[in-house]
Amino acid sequence: MFEAIPEEKMIREFVRQVAKQYGRDYWLAKAREGAFPEELWKELGAGGYLGMMIPEEHGGGGLGLQQMAVLIEEMGQHGIPLLLMVVGNVMDAGLIAKYGSAEMKERYLPPLARGDTRFCFALTEPTAGSNSFRIETSAKLDGDEYVLNGQKMFITGVDASDHLLVVARTTSFEEARDKREGLSLFVVDRSAPGITLQPLEMGVLHPETQFAVYFDDVRVPRADLIGEEGKGARYL
């Protein structure tokens, strides 16, 4: 039998205390309103739990996936799961921490750790679900900016996010010699001109809405490319 380490016991106790104020009834009320659970999110941020996997030098806790899994499990146990925490503060934050420039890390990671900013993850498309190499959303370099065009589907919590981490093709599938290459990762401001959101009815009660997201000549600064152009599949 494995014995829980002190950090894991502390995480479970924290969630138990938070759930006394923001428990299942609160979560269901937010879901019925179609409103993001802001108060719960702020409690997680104030406690330092949104930044558990973010390096300490960028305001996080410097812990690992095991501790984050305990947090996610305990929140599910109390009926208050948040998918945006998984895609934003685990997946997106991890990619920025590992592959982002020094300036990008400093700009995005501390507010992510505090809960002051939120990220969603945009990969799936109408014709590219399980086979992500076939995505068609394109990003073409134009001076010091990339121009994004395309559509994403089933993207969680876009309306509650400040940024999207978008997977796009900088080399088309047909033009790529190695079909695993040509994908690039971008941080995109949700308020950027050319982004249109369409909520999707999923038939599931949840406070985080799913969206179709349309990009029409959305301009993204070159500085918001994560890592090298065309290497996104390796990073994912």
Foldseek 3Di string as FASTA:
>chain_A
DDDDDPLLVVLLVLLVVLCVPCFQVNFLVLLVVLADPVVSLQSCLVVQNLQQCADVVQPHNVDDPVSNVSNQVSCVVRNRHDVQSCQWSPVVNVLCRVFADPVSSNVPRNCSRNSVFTEWEFQADPVCDPNSLQDAWEWEDDPQKTWTFDKTWFIKQLVVGQWYWYKHFPAHCVRDPPSLWRIWIFIAGSPFPQKDWDWDDDVDRGSITTTMIGGDRGIGGNSRTGHDGGCVSVSD
